[in-house]
């Protein structure tokens, strides 16, 4: 159960190490589902703080705005995407590695590190603790690569071409 107005790190992986996103259309479909679902009522239930999609998994940082908002939203998102994926690739069975994982974000410092971690994933940052010990040159390269990555909310944080505007209803 999620606590009202609290932040959560939501993530899941492909079952059997399968890629969740095989091409740009899969990434874009998942993002379209996120933003279509939020515009059709779920925006009242969750606030999307940050996201990053990787080939085999996804990460979302969300804030619970109504009771059961996160669980309902993620259930709808994962079900809709699994139906799309299974139909497109003529497959059956579960797409995800069980139920999504949810970790409560304890405080603002952890939220800040989590957002950085999620955005720097395309460069290989493997945990928030790595951000604190990494050399400045590594972080600079990670930021530059992440800045070019299309499937995260990082550009929105930089006030560059907010990705969600590419996905009209």
Protein backbone atom coordinates (compact mmCIF):
# COMPACT_ATOMS: atom_id res chain seq x y z
CA UNK A 1 0.00 0.00 0.00
CA UNK A 2 1.30 3.45 -0.89
CA UNK A 3 1.09 6.48 1.37
CA UNK A 4 -0.77 9.52 0.11
CA UNK A 5 1.50 12.35 -1.14
CA UNK A 6 4.64 10.23 -0.77
CA UNK A 7 7.14 9.41 -3.53
CA UNK A 8 7.93 5.94 -4.83
CA UNK A 9 10.49 4.34 -7.10
CA UNK A 10 8.56 1.96 -9.37
CA UNK A 11 10.39 -0.47 -11.64
CA UNK A 12 10.07 -3.79 -13.39
CA UNK A 13 12.03 -6.06 -15.72
CA UNK A 14 11.19 -8.27 -18.66
CA UNK A 15 10.41 -11.88 -17.76
CA UNK A 16 13.29 -14.30 -18.43
CA UNK A 17 15.59 -11.33 -19.18
CA UNK A 18 13.54 -10.57 -22.30
CA UNK A 19 13.74 -7.10 -23.77
CA UNK A 20 10.64 -5.02 -23.11
CA UNK A 21 11.50 -2.59 -25.90
CA UNK A 22 12.81 -4.03 -29.17
CA UNK A 23 12.71 -0.84 -31.22
CA UNK A 24 11.84 2.85 -31.03
CA UNK A 25 8.16 2.14 -31.66
CA UNK A 26 7.97 0.00 -28.52
CA UNK A 27 9.56 2.74 -26.42
CA UNK A 28 7.24 5.34 -27.90
CA UNK A 29 4.17 3.17 -27.38
CA UNK A 30 5.01 2.69 -23.70
CA UNK A 31 5.51 6.44 -23.27
CA UNK A 32 2.28 7.13 -25.12
CA UNK A 33 0.49 4.79 -22.71
CA UNK A 34 1.99 6.59 -19.72
CA UNK A 35 0.87 9.99 -20.88
CA UNK A 36 -2.45 8.87 -22.38
CA UNK A 37 -3.39 7.10 -19.18
CA UNK A 38 -2.44 10.09 -17.07
CA UNK A 39 -4.43 12.47 -19.24
CA UNK A 40 -7.51 10.29 -19.04
CA UNK A 41 -7.98 10.54 -15.31
CA UNK A 42 -4.88 9.01 -13.75
CA UNK A 43 -3.15 12.36 -13.51
CA UNK A 44 -5.47 12.88 -10.57
CA UNK A 45 -4.06 9.69 -9.02
CA UNK A 46 -0.30 9.97 -9.62
CA UNK A 47 2.26 12.60 -10.45
CA UNK A 48 5.09 11.53 -12.75
CA UNK A 49 8.31 12.94 -11.30
CA UNK A 50 10.84 11.13 -13.52
CA UNK A 51 11.13 8.13 -15.81
CA UNK A 52 13.65 6.17 -17.82
CA UNK A 53 13.05 3.25 -20.14
CA UNK A 54 15.87 0.82 -20.81
CA UNK A 55 15.73 -2.14 -23.23
CA UNK A 56 14.97 -4.70 -20.53
CA UNK A 57 13.33 -2.64 -17.79
CA UNK A 58 11.71 0.64 -16.81
CA UNK A 59 11.97 3.04 -13.88
CA UNK A 60 9.36 5.56 -12.76
CA UNK A 61 9.43 8.00 -9.89
CA UNK A 62 5.85 8.73 -8.89
CA UNK A 63 3.94 10.57 -6.19
CA UNK A 64 0.74 9.02 -4.85
CA UNK A 65 -2.04 11.59 -5.18
CA UNK A 66 -5.07 9.43 -4.32
CA UNK A 67 -5.42 6.15 -2.43
CA UNK A 68 -4.38 3.21 -4.65
CA UNK A 69 -3.45 5.64 -7.45
CA UNK A 70 -0.03 4.13 -8.11
CA UNK A 71 -1.16 0.51 -7.99
CA UNK A 72 -4.12 1.17 -10.32
CA UNK A 73 -2.02 3.23 -12.73
CA UNK A 74 0.85 0.75 -12.96
CA UNK A 75 -1.52 -2.20 -13.31
CA UNK A 76 -3.30 -0.50 -16.23
CA UNK A 77 -0.02 0.56 -17.83
CA UNK A 78 1.62 -2.87 -17.62
CA UNK A 79 -1.52 -4.70 -18.77
CA UNK A 80 -2.00 -2.41 -21.77
CA UNK A 81 1.66 -2.65 -22.77
CA UNK A 82 1.78 -6.44 -22.38
CA UNK A 83 -1.30 -6.78 -24.60
CA UNK A 84 0.32 -4.55 -27.24
CA UNK A 85 3.67 -6.37 -27.06
CA UNK A 86 2.22 -9.89 -27.09
CA UNK A 87 0.01 -9.05 -30.05
CA UNK A 88 2.78 -7.31 -32.00
CA UNK A 89 5.32 -10.09 -31.49
CA UNK A 90 2.84 -13.00 -31.64
CA UNK A 91 3.73 -14.21 -28.17
CA UNK A 92 1.78 -15.24 -25.10
CA UNK A 93 2.37 -15.36 -21.39
CA UNK A 94 3.70 -12.83 -18.93
CA UNK A 95 5.88 -10.04 -20.27
CA UNK A 96 7.06 -8.71 -16.92
CA UNK A 97 9.10 -10.38 -14.19
CA UNK A 98 6.24 -10.63 -11.72
CA UNK A 99 4.55 -7.69 -10.11
CA UNK A 100 6.27 -4.33 -10.32
CA UNK A 101 8.60 -3.33 -7.49
CA UNK A 102 7.88 -0.30 -5.38
CA UNK A 103 10.28 1.39 -2.98
CA UNK A 104 9.22 4.25 -0.76
CA UNK A 105 11.44 7.33 -0.99
CA UNK A 106 12.17 8.34 2.59
CA UNK A 107 13.11 12.00 2.26
CA UNK A 108 14.01 14.84 -0.12
CA UNK A 109 17.71 13.92 -0.24
CA UNK A 110 16.86 10.38 -1.33
CA UNK A 111 14.37 11.75 -3.86
CA UNK A 112 17.05 13.99 -5.36
CA UNK A 113 19.53 11.11 -5.65
CA UNK A 114 16.85 8.81 -7.07
CA UNK A 115 15.96 11.29 -9.82
CA UNK A 116 19.66 11.63 -10.71
CA UNK A 117 20.08 7.85 -10.68
CA UNK A 118 17.08 7.28 -12.96
CA UNK A 119 18.26 9.92 -15.42
CA UNK A 120 21.87 8.71 -15.52
CA UNK A 121 20.96 5.04 -16.10
CA UNK A 122 21.63 5.13 -19.86
CA UNK A 123 25.28 5.76 -19.04
CA UNK A 124 25.56 2.83 -16.67
CA UNK A 125 25.07 4.41 -13.25
CA UNK A 126 24.07 1.39 -11.17
CA UNK A 127 22.91 2.97 -7.94
CA UNK A 128 22.42 6.24 -6.13
CA UNK A 129 25.51 5.53 -4.01
CA UNK A 130 27.64 5.58 -7.19
CA UNK A 131 26.62 9.21 -7.69
CA UNK A 132 28.24 10.19 -4.41
CA UNK A 133 31.55 8.44 -5.10
CA UNK A 134 31.93 9.00 -8.86
CA UNK A 135 34.61 11.30 -10.19
CA UNK A 136 33.43 14.57 -11.71
CA UNK A 137 34.68 13.58 -15.18
CA UNK A 138 32.53 10.42 -15.10
CA UNK A 139 29.46 12.38 -14.05
CA UNK A 140 30.05 14.96 -16.79
CA UNK A 141 30.20 12.21 -19.46
CA UNK A 142 27.14 10.52 -17.95
CA UNK A 143 25.17 13.76 -18.05
CA UNK A 144 26.14 14.43 -21.67
CA UNK A 145 25.13 10.94 -22.77
CA UNK A 146 21.90 11.02 -20.77
CA UNK A 147 21.08 14.38 -22.30
CA UNK A 148 20.94 12.65 -25.72
CA UNK A 149 18.88 9.69 -24.54
CA UNK A 150 15.34 9.90 -25.91
CA UNK A 151 13.48 7.67 -23.48
CA UNK A 152 13.79 9.49 -20.18
CA UNK A 153 12.48 12.66 -18.61
CA UNK A 154 15.98 14.16 -18.31
CA UNK A 155 15.47 16.70 -21.11
CA UNK A 156 12.42 17.98 -19.29
CA UNK A 157 14.56 18.71 -16.26
CA UNK A 158 16.96 20.61 -18.49
CA UNK A 159 14.04 22.57 -20.01
CA UNK A 160 14.87 21.08 -23.41
CA UNK A 161 12.20 19.58 -25.68
CA UNK A 162 10.04 17.93 -23.04
CA UNK A 163 9.51 14.36 -24.31
CA UNK A 164 5.88 14.05 -23.22
CA UNK A 165 4.88 16.76 -25.73
CA UNK A 166 5.69 14.28 -28.53
CA UNK A 167 2.79 12.07 -27.47
CA UNK A 168 -0.53 13.77 -28.14
CA UNK A 169 -3.78 12.16 -26.98
